[in-house]
């Protein structure tokens, strides 16, 4: 049998299509007799729901046009076989009325506002354990608004300020769900331990003013809490560190992670003036998403912060009875730069990496130089100028349970 040429095959298909169209036109029955409605909209005309409120009328109109569009897409008669087996035939009016999704929308819109809220509220949101967020501040008018905006989804936000002299207190008052208190600053560990005791909810999320809770991190925490209490009592969060507008990808800071989400009483900061890592009762697995840490935006201010942290670190070492000499001042500073810039690949961060690693080495140099100078002054009968430490037992309560020291040797 010879194959049919392509042109003849096309002509045959066109003739068959014309014959099918003629059969559909002959077999098309009468449509709606409604005098003022297009016959193609016959499916929606039969809607017998007559809501009286303006909200329900809008819903009825939307259903009307949805049904009309379905009818306009449908052919005027059966395509092949009986009308009951046609996939594109117009659905009967009863099927439009009894569609479960359409019925649910109408019932919600014509009901009272209270029933609408009850029907649309999520059971998982009502059952989710409540979270209190803590933010510590001091002269953070540049960061505080964005930080609080990233935490408005929490059930409570507590801002503990160290008597800022800029517009930080004024900016905090713009938020309704935020409590603002002020307390003398004795170090990050003391401030956060005290703040955790002032919260009202079972779970606590801790942030600094120059940190941001990203939408991805927020969604991961909400998913973690959606089914009730999470399996662990504490969680670690990665920090994405920004230096002068760009992320530090190496220098050891790519693995920067801190325990910031925990159940009340499941963790505590040890008695240290600076660089204190939280001690937890059990394991603290790390979440997948990270927070943003805007570590350095103003180089001059960060250099001043490095000097302040070095002074606090030297005071901590002095109270712990440590000594400083040539090995500490030169050796530790040199090793800090080699480790971060070479071994931890800070060189791959370019100019930012070199400046950043030099700053860290400079902070190490200052710390051990301060300590060395205090040793010299002690021989001359001069006491070192140390910052104030928090000696309150309430601030450090519970540390013995975690195996951390509660006091330091003076």
Protein backbone atom coordinates (compact mmCIF):
# COMPACT_ATOMS: atom_id res chain seq x y z
CA UNK A 1 0.00 0.00 0.00
CA UNK A 2 1.42 3.34 -1.04
CA UNK A 3 1.81 6.04 1.67
CA UNK A 4 -0.58 9.00 1.47
CA UNK A 5 1.20 12.21 0.37
CA UNK A 6 1.39 14.89 3.08
CA UNK A 7 -0.73 17.41 1.17
CA UNK A 8 -3.54 14.92 0.61
CA UNK A 9 -3.43 13.94 4.27
CA UNK A 10 -3.85 17.59 5.31
CA UNK A 11 -6.83 18.02 2.93
CA UNK A 12 -8.50 14.91 4.36
CA UNK A 13 -8.08 16.15 7.93
CA UNK A 14 -9.55 19.56 7.01
CA UNK A 15 -12.58 17.95 5.35
CA UNK A 16 -13.15 15.71 8.39
CA UNK A 17 -12.99 18.73 10.70
CA UNK A 18 -15.64 20.53 8.59
CA UNK A 19 -17.94 17.52 8.77
CA UNK A 20 -17.60 17.31 12.55
CA UNK A 21 -18.37 21.03 12.91
CA UNK A 22 -21.50 20.66 10.78
CA UNK A 23 -22.72 17.72 12.89
CA UNK A 24 -22.20 19.71 16.10
CA UNK A 25 -24.17 22.65 14.69
CA UNK A 26 -27.09 20.41 13.69
CA UNK A 27 -27.18 18.55 17.01
CA UNK A 28 -26.94 21.68 19.22
CA UNK A 29 -30.10 22.01 21.30
CA UNK A 30 -31.80 25.13 22.64
CA UNK A 31 -29.97 27.13 25.26
CA UNK A 32 -31.13 29.30 28.11
CA UNK A 33 -34.25 31.34 27.50
CA UNK A 34 -33.22 34.11 29.87
CA UNK A 35 -33.99 37.35 27.97
CA UNK A 36 -31.03 39.45 29.14
CA UNK A 37 -28.12 37.03 29.33
CA UNK A 38 -25.85 35.76 26.60
CA UNK A 39 -26.75 32.10 25.89
CA UNK A 40 -23.10 31.13 26.39
CA UNK A 41 -23.50 32.09 30.07
CA UNK A 42 -26.37 29.70 30.69
CA UNK A 43 -24.43 27.81 33.41
CA UNK A 44 -24.09 30.83 35.67
CA UNK A 45 -27.60 32.20 35.19
CA UNK A 46 -29.08 29.30 37.11
CA UNK A 47 -27.22 30.20 40.33
CA UNK A 48 -29.99 30.48 42.91
CA UNK A 49 -27.80 31.91 45.66
CA UNK A 50 -28.87 35.46 46.45
CA UNK A 51 -26.58 36.89 49.16
CA UNK A 52 -27.54 40.22 50.64
CA UNK A 53 -24.23 41.55 52.03
CA UNK A 54 -21.82 43.46 49.79
CA UNK A 55 -19.03 40.99 50.55
CA UNK A 56 -21.15 38.03 49.56
CA UNK A 57 -22.39 39.82 46.43
CA UNK A 58 -18.78 40.24 45.34
CA UNK A 59 -18.17 36.53 45.88
CA UNK A 60 -21.31 35.65 43.91
CA UNK A 61 -20.17 37.85 41.03
CA UNK A 62 -16.77 36.18 41.02
CA UNK A 63 -18.41 32.72 40.84
CA UNK A 64 -20.68 34.02 38.06
CA UNK A 65 -17.76 35.06 35.89
CA UNK A 66 -15.80 31.89 36.67
CA UNK A 67 -18.72 29.79 35.48
CA UNK A 68 -19.13 32.06 32.46
CA UNK A 69 -15.51 31.56 31.46
CA UNK A 70 -15.92 27.80 31.72
CA UNK A 71 -18.98 27.99 29.47
CA UNK A 72 -17.24 30.20 26.92
CA UNK A 73 -14.38 27.73 26.72
CA UNK A 74 -16.77 24.83 26.22
CA UNK A 75 -18.13 24.03 22.71
CA UNK A 76 -21.82 24.51 21.95
CA UNK A 77 -22.50 20.81 21.52
CA UNK A 78 -21.08 17.36 22.21
CA UNK A 79 -17.69 16.78 20.70
CA UNK A 80 -17.62 13.03 20.45
CA UNK A 81 -19.97 10.46 21.88
CA UNK A 82 -22.78 11.30 24.27
CA UNK A 83 -22.91 14.64 26.14
CA UNK A 84 -22.28 12.92 29.47
CA UNK A 85 -18.88 11.71 28.32
CA UNK A 86 -17.68 15.01 26.83
CA UNK A 87 -14.79 16.49 28.82
CA UNK A 88 -15.32 20.05 27.56
CA UNK A 89 -19.09 20.25 27.73
CA UNK A 90 -20.62 22.92 29.97
CA UNK A 91 -21.31 21.59 33.48
CA UNK A 92 -24.92 21.64 34.66
CA UNK A 93 -25.99 24.39 37.06
CA UNK A 94 -26.23 21.95 39.97
CA UNK A 95 -22.55 21.04 39.64
CA UNK A 96 -21.56 24.70 39.91
CA UNK A 97 -23.66 25.22 43.03
CA UNK A 98 -22.44 22.07 44.75
CA UNK A 99 -18.75 22.43 44.04
CA UNK A 100 -17.13 22.07 47.48
CA UNK A 101 -14.65 24.91 47.02
CA UNK A 102 -17.30 27.33 45.74
CA UNK A 103 -19.66 26.41 48.55
CA UNK A 104 -16.93 27.00 51.14
CA UNK A 105 -16.12 30.44 49.76
CA UNK A 106 -19.77 31.54 49.78
CA UNK A 107 -20.40 30.21 53.26
CA UNK A 108 -17.37 32.08 54.60
CA UNK A 109 -18.22 35.34 52.91
CA UNK A 110 -21.84 35.49 54.07
CA UNK A 111 -21.02 34.47 57.62
CA UNK A 112 -20.13 36.80 60.50
CA UNK A 113 -16.58 38.23 60.82
CA UNK A 114 -15.92 36.12 63.90
CA UNK A 115 -16.73 32.90 62.07
CA UNK A 116 -14.54 33.99 59.17
CA UNK A 117 -11.57 34.42 61.52
CA UNK A 118 -12.23 31.05 63.13
CA UNK A 119 -12.46 29.28 59.77
CA UNK A 120 -9.35 30.87 58.29
CA UNK A 121 -7.15 30.59 61.40
CA UNK A 122 -4.47 27.92 61.26
CA UNK A 123 -4.59 25.30 64.04
CA UNK A 124 -0.83 24.90 63.86
CA UNK A 125 -0.34 28.64 64.52
CA UNK A 126 -2.53 28.46 67.62
CA UNK A 127 -0.67 25.42 68.95
CA UNK A 128 2.83 26.75 68.18
CA UNK A 129 4.96 27.44 71.27
CA UNK A 130 5.40 31.16 71.75
CA UNK A 131 8.79 32.80 71.24
CA UNK A 132 10.34 35.80 72.98
CA UNK A 133 13.06 37.64 71.06
CA UNK A 134 15.85 39.50 72.85
CA UNK A 135 17.82 42.38 71.30
CA UNK A 136 20.69 44.11 73.14
CA UNK A 137 21.55 47.65 72.07
CA UNK A 138 23.82 50.61 72.67
CA UNK A 139 23.74 53.55 70.23
CA UNK A 140 22.31 51.41 67.45
CA UNK A 141 20.09 53.92 65.65
CA UNK A 142 21.60 52.79 62.37
CA UNK A 143 20.56 49.15 62.83
CA UNK A 144 17.75 48.86 65.35
CA UNK A 145 14.79 49.49 63.04
CA UNK A 146 15.75 46.82 60.48
CA UNK A 147 16.60 44.38 63.25
CA UNK A 148 13.19 44.78 64.90
CA UNK A 149 11.40 44.58 61.56
CA UNK A 150 13.00 41.18 61.00
CA UNK A 151 11.67 39.98 64.37
CA UNK A 152 8.07 41.28 64.32
CA UNK A 153 6.81 37.72 63.73
CA UNK A 154 7.88 36.76 67.28
CA UNK A 155 5.26 36.78 70.02
CA UNK A 156 7.32 39.18 72.15
CA UNK A 157 10.38 41.35 71.54
CA UNK A 158 12.43 42.63 74.47
CA UNK A 159 15.02 45.35 73.84
CA UNK A 160 17.65 45.74 76.59
CA UNK A 161 19.43 49.03 76.07
CA UNK A 162 22.62 50.21 77.79
CA UNK A 163 21.52 53.86 78.11
CA UNK A 164 22.04 54.87 74.50
CA UNK A 165 22.70 58.54 73.81
CA UNK A 166 21.45 58.51 70.20
CA UNK A 167 17.93 57.94 68.79
CA UNK A 168 17.81 54.23 69.63
CA UNK A 169 15.15 54.55 72.40
CA UNK A 170 13.00 56.76 70.18
CA UNK A 171 13.12 54.33 67.26
CA UNK A 172 12.24 51.36 69.47
CA UNK A 173 9.07 53.13 70.64
CA UNK A 174 7.74 53.01 67.08
CA UNK A 175 7.02 49.28 67.44
CA UNK A 176 3.92 48.14 69.33
CA UNK A 177 4.95 44.60 70.26
CA UNK A 178 8.30 45.65 71.77
CA UNK A 179 9.22 46.12 75.43
CA UNK A 180 12.04 48.55 76.10
CA UNK A 181 14.17 48.43 79.26
CA UNK A 182 17.55 49.90 80.17
CA UNK A 183 20.32 48.32 82.23
CA UNK A 184 23.99 49.01 82.91
CA UNK A 185 26.21 47.03 80.55
CA UNK A 186 28.49 44.51 82.25
CA UNK A 187 29.27 42.56 79.11
CA UNK A 188 27.33 40.59 76.55
CA UNK A 189 27.01 37.48 78.73
CA UNK A 190 25.64 39.36 81.72
CA UNK A 191 23.23 41.40 79.61
CA UNK A 192 21.77 38.38 77.83
CA UNK A 193 21.49 36.23 80.96
CA UNK A 194 19.58 39.03 82.65
CA UNK A 195 17.38 39.55 79.59
CA UNK A 196 16.45 35.86 79.41
CA UNK A 197 15.11 36.10 82.97
CA UNK A 198 12.83 38.98 81.94
CA UNK A 199 11.05 37.22 79.08
CA UNK A 200 7.52 35.84 79.40
CA UNK A 201 7.46 32.92 76.95
CA UNK A 202 8.94 29.44 77.04
CA UNK A 203 11.27 29.80 74.03
CA UNK A 204 13.88 32.53 73.58
CA UNK A 205 15.53 33.86 70.41
CA UNK A 206 18.59 36.08 70.95
CA UNK A 207 19.85 38.74 68.53
CA UNK A 208 22.23 41.68 68.54
CA UNK A 209 21.15 44.93 66.94
CA UNK A 210 23.54 44.48 63.99
CA UNK A 211 22.06 41.07 63.16
CA UNK A 212 19.07 40.24 60.98
CA UNK A 213 16.67 37.32 61.03
CA UNK A 214 16.36 36.46 57.36
CA UNK A 215 12.99 35.30 55.92
CA UNK A 216 14.49 31.88 55.27
CA UNK A 217 15.59 31.54 58.90
CA UNK A 218 12.20 32.76 60.13
CA UNK A 219 10.39 30.19 57.98
CA UNK A 220 12.66 27.38 59.18
CA UNK A 221 12.01 28.27 62.83
CA UNK A 222 8.25 28.41 62.24
CA UNK A 223 8.33 25.02 60.53
CA UNK A 224 10.34 23.65 63.45
CA UNK A 225 7.66 24.87 65.87
CA UNK A 226 4.64 24.05 63.70
CA UNK A 227 4.01 20.66 65.28
CA UNK A 228 4.54 21.76 68.89
CA UNK A 229 7.72 21.63 70.94
CA UNK A 230 10.87 20.83 68.91
CA UNK A 231 12.82 17.68 69.76
CA UNK A 232 15.80 19.58 71.26
CA UNK A 233 15.99 22.27 73.94
CA UNK A 234 18.53 24.47 72.11
CA UNK A 235 19.57 25.21 68.54
CA UNK A 236 22.63 26.74 66.92
CA UNK A 237 22.35 29.32 64.12
CA UNK A 238 24.95 30.08 61.47
CA UNK A 239 25.98 33.70 61.00
CA UNK A 240 26.68 35.20 57.59
CA UNK A 241 29.28 37.88 58.36
CA UNK A 242 29.38 41.09 56.28
CA UNK A 243 32.52 43.25 56.15
CA UNK A 244 32.20 46.61 54.39
CA UNK A 245 29.17 45.49 52.39
CA UNK A 246 30.33 42.02 51.31
CA UNK A 247 30.21 38.57 52.86
CA UNK A 248 33.40 37.20 54.41
CA UNK A 249 33.57 33.77 52.80
CA UNK A 250 36.78 32.54 54.46
CA UNK A 251 39.16 33.55 57.30
CA UNK A 252 37.42 31.04 59.59
CA UNK A 253 34.26 33.15 59.77
CA UNK A 254 32.48 30.97 57.22
CA UNK A 255 31.93 28.56 60.14
CA UNK A 256 30.72 31.23 62.58
CA UNK A 257 27.79 29.75 64.53
CA UNK A 258 26.24 30.58 67.89
CA UNK A 259 23.53 29.12 70.13
CA UNK A 260 20.68 31.62 69.92
CA UNK A 261 17.42 29.64 70.08
CA UNK A 262 16.67 27.78 73.30
CA UNK A 263 14.06 26.82 75.81
CA UNK A 264 13.99 28.83 79.02
CA UNK A 265 16.50 27.36 81.48
CA UNK A 266 18.17 25.11 78.85
CA UNK A 267 21.29 27.28 78.52
CA UNK A 268 23.29 30.04 80.14
CA UNK A 269 26.22 32.28 79.27
CA UNK A 270 29.35 31.79 81.43
CA UNK A 271 30.80 34.56 83.56
CA UNK A 272 32.98 36.27 80.99
CA UNK A 273 33.19 39.94 80.03
CA UNK A 274 33.65 39.30 76.30
CA UNK A 275 33.48 36.43 73.77
CA UNK A 276 31.30 34.16 75.92
CA UNK A 277 29.76 31.12 74.22
CA UNK A 278 26.51 29.79 75.65
CA UNK A 279 26.62 26.52 77.59
CA UNK A 280 23.59 24.27 77.08
CA UNK A 281 22.15 21.33 78.97
CA UNK A 282 22.04 19.00 75.97
CA UNK A 283 23.01 19.00 72.30
CA UNK A 284 22.24 22.08 70.21
CA UNK A 285 21.94 21.03 66.55
CA UNK A 286 22.55 23.64 63.88
CA UNK A 287 19.73 25.02 61.74
CA UNK A 288 20.20 25.05 57.99
CA UNK A 289 19.47 28.74 57.39
CA UNK A 290 21.69 31.58 58.61
CA UNK A 291 21.24 35.01 60.12
CA UNK A 292 22.93 38.08 58.64
CA UNK A 293 25.57 39.78 60.79
CA UNK A 294 26.47 43.30 59.61
CA UNK A 295 29.73 43.17 61.51
CA UNK A 296 31.63 46.07 59.92
CA UNK A 297 30.02 48.97 58.07
CA UNK A 298 32.10 51.85 59.47
CA UNK A 299 35.82 51.06 59.61
CA UNK A 300 36.64 53.73 62.21
CA UNK A 301 33.90 52.57 64.56
CA UNK A 302 34.97 48.96 64.19
CA UNK A 303 38.59 49.85 64.97
CA UNK A 304 37.35 51.53 68.15
CA UNK A 305 35.32 48.44 68.96
CA UNK A 306 38.41 46.28 68.50
CA UNK A 307 40.22 48.39 71.11
CA UNK A 308 37.30 48.08 73.53
CA UNK A 309 37.04 44.31 73.10
CA UNK A 310 40.81 43.98 73.58
CA UNK A 311 40.58 45.90 76.84
CA UNK A 312 37.75 43.69 78.06
CA UNK A 313 39.62 40.56 77.00
CA UNK A 314 42.75 41.70 78.84
CA UNK A 315 40.67 42.40 81.96
CA UNK A 316 39.21 38.90 81.72
CA UNK A 317 42.69 37.40 81.46
CA UNK A 318 43.88 39.51 84.41
CA UNK A 319 41.06 38.25 86.62
CA UNK A 320 41.88 34.68 85.58
CA UNK A 321 45.51 35.19 86.61
CA UNK A 322 47.06 34.92 83.15
CA UNK A 323 50.44 36.50 82.33
CA UNK A 324 51.79 38.09 79.15
CA UNK A 325 55.25 38.33 77.62
CA UNK A 326 57.10 38.29 74.32
CA UNK A 327 55.56 34.98 73.25
CA UNK A 328 52.01 36.22 73.82
CA UNK A 329 52.40 39.72 72.39
CA UNK A 330 54.33 38.73 69.26
CA UNK A 331 53.67 35.02 68.85
CA UNK A 332 49.89 35.05 69.35
CA UNK A 333 49.40 38.08 67.11
CA UNK A 334 51.53 36.62 64.29
CA UNK A 335 49.86 33.24 64.58
CA UNK A 336 46.38 34.81 64.47
CA UNK A 337 47.15 36.44 61.12
CA UNK A 338 48.82 33.35 59.61
CA UNK A 339 45.96 31.12 60.74
CA UNK A 340 43.14 33.30 59.41
CA UNK A 341 44.79 34.68 56.28
CA UNK A 342 46.76 31.65 55.09
CA UNK A 343 45.46 28.45 56.68
CA UNK A 344 41.79 29.51 56.71
CA UNK A 345 42.12 31.03 53.22
CA UNK A 346 41.38 34.63 54.07
CA UNK A 347 43.56 35.48 51.06
CA UNK A 348 40.65 34.39 48.83
CA UNK A 349 38.56 37.28 50.16
CA UNK A 350 40.89 39.73 48.43
CA UNK A 351 41.62 43.13 49.93
CA UNK A 352 38.76 42.77 52.40
CA UNK A 353 40.20 39.48 53.60
CA UNK A 354 43.64 40.94 54.21
CA UNK A 355 42.29 44.00 56.10
CA UNK A 356 39.89 41.85 58.09
CA UNK A 357 42.60 39.37 59.15
CA UNK A 358 44.96 42.19 60.09
CA UNK A 359 42.24 43.68 62.30
CA UNK A 360 41.82 40.38 64.13
CA UNK A 361 45.58 40.11 64.64
CA UNK A 362 45.64 43.74 65.84
CA UNK A 363 43.00 42.95 68.45
CA UNK A 364 45.07 40.02 69.70
CA UNK A 365 48.14 42.23 69.91
CA UNK A 366 46.29 44.87 71.93
CA UNK A 367 44.85 42.35 74.36
CA UNK A 368 48.16 40.82 75.37
CA UNK A 369 49.94 44.21 75.30
CA UNK A 370 47.38 45.62 77.74
CA UNK A 371 47.95 42.66 80.01
CA UNK A 372 51.73 43.06 79.80
CA UNK A 373 51.51 46.77 80.69
CA UNK A 374 49.36 46.03 83.74
CA UNK A 375 51.97 43.59 84.97
CA UNK A 376 54.64 46.32 84.71
CA UNK A 377 52.40 48.84 86.51
CA UNK A 378 51.67 46.33 89.27
CA UNK A 379 55.37 46.14 90.07
CA UNK A 380 55.33 49.91 90.39
CA UNK A 381 52.37 49.77 92.74
CA UNK A 382 49.70 50.87 90.24
CA UNK A 383 46.46 48.95 89.94
CA UNK A 384 45.11 48.32 86.42
CA UNK A 385 42.04 50.16 85.19
CA UNK A 386 39.57 47.32 84.78
CA UNK A 387 35.98 47.53 83.53
CA UNK A 388 33.11 46.78 85.92
CA UNK A 389 32.11 43.12 86.17
CA UNK A 390 28.69 41.80 87.14
CA UNK A 391 29.03 40.20 90.58
CA UNK A 392 25.32 39.42 91.03
CA UNK A 393 24.63 35.75 91.80
CA UNK A 394 21.25 35.93 90.08
CA UNK A 395 22.88 36.70 86.74
CA UNK A 396 24.98 33.54 86.84
CA UNK A 397 22.51 31.20 88.51
CA UNK A 398 22.20 27.77 86.94
CA UNK A 399 25.73 27.66 85.52
CA UNK A 400 26.77 24.95 87.97
CA UNK A 401 24.16 22.69 86.39
CA UNK A 402 25.95 23.00 83.05
CA UNK A 403 29.43 22.53 84.50
CA UNK A 404 30.52 26.16 83.93
CA UNK A 405 32.16 28.31 86.64
CA UNK A 406 29.89 30.92 88.23
CA UNK A 407 32.63 33.13 89.66
CA UNK A 408 36.14 34.20 88.75
CA UNK A 409 39.20 34.52 90.84
CA UNK A 410 39.93 38.21 91.51
